[in-house]
Amino acid sequence: LFAVKVRAEAMQKASDLVSSGMLSVIGRPQANYKHACVQAREHCLSLGIKEPVCAIANYLFPDGRVIAGHKEALDFLQNHSRELNFLRTRLLPVSGAFHTALMEPAIEVRRPEISVHSNVDGKRYMHDKHICNQLAKQLVSPVKWEQTLHEIYERAQGQDFPHTYEVGPGRQLGSTLQ
């Protein structure tokens, strides 16, 4: 938990640098999330925001994403949700655009002391250097929760499912298991 605390503090400091957040989106099958982010970034540029960020931060489930970035980008997505084929949007109660380029100031890699499962690619860490590389990527990459669940729950016939505990704010990730 110490590693989680240190990571959270670094991400909070990065969050304090710019007004940003995260938007949970459930879209129709024809929704193009990447193109929606491009449109939101173009909107931010028109407002004079330099190097705007709007990107998919979490791949939750088919047609379920979390998009993170500048507040103005998220406002654009909410205001244009119908044209973007979004069925439902909800701002998440977080302080920043986690898992995007806005978290780059938080990257400070240290040799980890615990075993960690990567949410960058859903795989277990292989060795120390791999852990450091993946932890750094995790701060600025989308969370591959769906892929991680496939990896975690893949098991031999007759083997029990592992116990699953959600640690952190909210219950969004755990609710996707139900």
Foldseek 3Di string as FASTA:
>chain_A
DVVVVLLVVLQVVLLVVAFKFKKKFQFDQPFDQVVLQVVLVVVVVVVVDPPWDWAFAADQDRRITMIMTHPSSVVSCVVCVVVRRTPDMDTDPDRHRWQAPSSLSSQDFDQDDDFDQAQQQLHTADDRVSVRVRVNNRRHHHGHLVSVVCVQQDDDPPDDRDDDDDDDPDCVNVVSVD
